Amino acid sequence: MSTQAPIKVNAATKDRVRYLAALTDTTQAEIVERAVTEYATRHADVIAAGLARAREVLAGGDVAIAAHLLGESPEAIKRVAGARRRR
């Protein structure tokens, strides 16, 4: 069972999808699905690197996550946040 969800693309891309669907006697959804599948296949190494980086960040704890989200080094975050004092 398939579901539909809108995606936002610029007008030129929307036109290309519509034309490709008409020229290949398929649906616009199938064109997009095939394009995404092909992209994932062709860029598997980039996707794997992104997953590895995400695991690295998550394994680094709160400081690493904050650094990643803020685009800073973990050292900069530690310097600004300071050390927590235990009572």
C-alpha atoms as a PDB file:
ATOM      1  CA  MET A   1       0.000   0.000   0.000  1.00  0.00           C
ATOM      2  CA  SER A   2       1.525   3.299  -1.013  1.00  0.00           C
ATOM      3  CA  THR A   3       0.975   6.633   0.605  1.00  0.00           C
ATOM      4  CA  GLN A   4       1.476  10.065  -0.835  1.00  0.00           C
ATOM      5  CA  ALA A   5       3.272  12.966   0.744  1.00  0.00           C
ATOM      6  CA  PRO A   6       4.028  16.261  -0.951  1.00  0.00           C
ATOM      7  CA  ILE A   7       7.618  17.292  -1.530  1.00  0.00           C
ATOM      8  CA  LYS A   8       8.752  20.805  -2.327  1.00  0.00           C
ATOM      9  CA  VAL A   9      10.936  21.382  -5.352  1.00  0.00           C
ATOM     10  CA  ASN A  10      11.509  24.421  -7.494  1.00  0.00           C
ATOM     11  CA  ALA A  11       9.326  25.001 -10.550  1.00  0.00           C
ATOM     12  CA  ALA A  12      11.994  23.865 -13.018  1.00  0.00           C
ATOM     13  CA  THR A  13      12.439  20.531 -11.227  1.00  0.00           C
ATOM     14  CA  LYS A  14       8.679  20.041 -11.035  1.00  0.00           C
ATOM     15  CA  ASP A  15       8.462  20.598 -14.795  1.00  0.00           C
ATOM     16  CA  ARG A  16      11.281  18.114 -15.455  1.00  0.00           C
ATOM     17  CA  VAL A  17       9.560  15.474 -13.324  1.00  0.00           C
ATOM     18  CA  ARG A  18       6.260  16.082 -15.115  1.00  0.00           C
ATOM     19  CA  TYR A  19       7.890  15.907 -18.571  1.00  0.00           C
ATOM     20  CA  LEU A  20       9.917  12.801 -17.723  1.00  0.00           C
ATOM     21  CA  ALA A  21       6.804  11.064 -16.459  1.00  0.00           C
ATOM     22  CA  ALA A  22       4.881  11.906 -19.618  1.00  0.00           C
ATOM     23  CA  LEU A  23       7.730  10.885 -21.920  1.00  0.00           C
ATOM     24  CA  THR A  24       8.310   7.566 -20.170  1.00  0.00           C
ATOM     25  CA  ASP A  25       4.623   6.749 -19.643  1.00  0.00           C
ATOM     26  CA  THR A  26       5.012   6.535 -15.884  1.00  0.00           C
ATOM     27  CA  THR A  27       3.864   8.533 -12.881  1.00  0.00           C
ATOM     28  CA  GLN A  28       5.639  11.485 -11.335  1.00  0.00           C
ATOM     29  CA  ALA A  29       5.879   9.494  -8.092  1.00  0.00           C
ATOM     30  CA  GLU A  30       7.709   6.693  -9.912  1.00  0.00           C
ATOM     31  CA  ILE A  31      10.143   9.179 -11.453  1.00  0.00           C
ATOM     32  CA  VAL A  32      10.950  10.615  -8.017  1.00  0.00           C
ATOM     33  CA  GLU A  33      11.220   7.151  -6.436  1.00  0.00           C
ATOM     34  CA  ARG A  34      13.600   5.962  -9.155  1.00  0.00           C
ATOM     35  CA  ALA A  35      15.683   9.135  -8.859  1.00  0.00           C
ATOM     36  CA  VAL A  36      16.023   8.771  -5.095  1.00  0.00           C
ATOM     37  CA  THR A  37      16.928   5.089  -5.425  1.00  0.00           C
ATOM     38  CA  GLU A  38      19.555   5.889  -8.054  1.00  0.00           C
ATOM     39  CA  TYR A  39      20.957   8.734  -5.961  1.00  0.00           C
ATOM     40  CA  ALA A  40      21.255   6.492  -2.894  1.00  0.00           C
ATOM     41  CA  THR A  41      23.002   3.815  -4.946  1.00  0.00           C
ATOM     42  CA  ARG A  42      25.431   6.220  -6.611  1.00  0.00           C
ATOM     43  CA  HIS A  43      26.250   8.037  -3.365  1.00  0.00           C
ATOM     44  CA  ALA A  44      26.403   5.079  -0.973  1.00  0.00           C
ATOM     45  CA  ASP A  45      29.920   6.060   0.112  1.00  0.00           C
ATOM     46  CA  VAL A  46      28.841   9.592   1.037  1.00  0.00           C
ATOM     47  CA  ILE A  47      25.817   8.250   2.929  1.00  0.00           C
ATOM     48  CA  ALA A  48      28.008   5.738   4.789  1.00  0.00           C
ATOM     49  CA  ALA A  49      30.422   8.535   5.733  1.00  0.00           C
ATOM     50  CA  GLY A  50      27.504  10.613   7.039  1.00  0.00           C
ATOM     51  CA  LEU A  51      26.296   7.700   9.146  1.00  0.00           C
ATOM     52  CA  ALA A  52      29.791   7.150  10.519  1.00  0.00           C
ATOM     53  CA  ARG A  53      30.060  10.845  11.411  1.00  0.00           C
ATOM     54  CA  ALA A  54      26.649  10.741  13.132  1.00  0.00           C
ATOM     55  CA  ARG A  55      27.739   7.708  15.201  1.00  0.00           C
ATOM     56  CA  GLU A  56      30.963   9.525  16.094  1.00  0.00           C
ATOM     57  CA  VAL A  57      29.099  12.633  17.233  1.00  0.00           C
ATOM     58  CA  LEU A  58      26.537  10.665  19.239  1.00  0.00           C
ATOM     59  CA  ALA A  59      29.245   8.577  20.899  1.00  0.00           C
ATOM     60  CA  GLY A  60      31.051  11.774  21.918  1.00  0.00           C
ATOM     61  CA  GLY A  61      28.293  12.797  24.314  1.00  0.00           C
ATOM     62  CA  ASP A  62      26.671  16.163  24.968  1.00  0.00           C
ATOM     63  CA  VAL A  63      29.742  18.288  24.218  1.00  0.00           C
ATOM     64  CA  ALA A  64      30.338  16.621  20.853  1.00  0.00           C
ATOM     65  CA  ILE A  65      26.677  16.937  19.907  1.00  0.00           C
ATOM     66  CA  ALA A  66      26.589  20.624  20.862  1.00  0.00           C
ATOM     67  CA  ALA A  67      29.830  21.255  18.978  1.00  0.00           C
ATOM     68  CA  HIS A  68      28.471  19.581  15.867  1.00  0.00           C
ATOM     69  CA  LEU A  69      25.175  21.468  15.979  1.00  0.00           C
ATOM     70  CA  LEU A  70      26.910  24.798  16.552  1.00  0.00           C
ATOM     71  CA  GLY A  71      29.702  24.211  14.057  1.00  0.00           C
ATOM     72  CA  GLU A  72      32.360  24.622  16.738  1.00  0.00           C
ATOM     73  CA  SER A  73      35.082  22.407  18.119  1.00  0.00           C
ATOM     74  CA  PRO A  74      34.428  20.415  21.296  1.00  0.00           C
ATOM     75  CA  GLU A  75      37.257  22.374  22.928  1.00  0.00           C
ATOM     76  CA  ALA A  76      35.487  25.680  22.210  1.00  0.00           C
ATOM     77  CA  ILE A  77      32.272  24.357  23.744  1.00  0.00           C
ATOM     78  CA  LYS A  78      34.130  23.169  26.848  1.00  0.00           C
ATOM     79  CA  ARG A  79      35.903  26.515  27.165  1.00  0.00           C
ATOM     80  CA  VAL A  80      32.655  28.514  26.923  1.00  0.00           C
ATOM     81  CA  ALA A  81      30.597  26.137  29.071  1.00  0.00           C
ATOM     82  CA  GLY A  82      33.265  25.804  31.746  1.00  0.00           C
ATOM     83  CA  ALA A  83      33.580  22.865  34.080  1.00  0.00           C
ATOM     84  CA  ARG A  84      30.596  21.846  36.156  1.00  0.00           C
ATOM     85  CA  ARG A  85      31.222  22.000  39.852  1.00  0.00           C
ATOM     86  CA  ARG A  86      29.961  19.203  42.036  1.00  0.00           C
ATOM     87  CA  ARG A  87      28.409  20.058  45.372  1.00  0.00           C
END
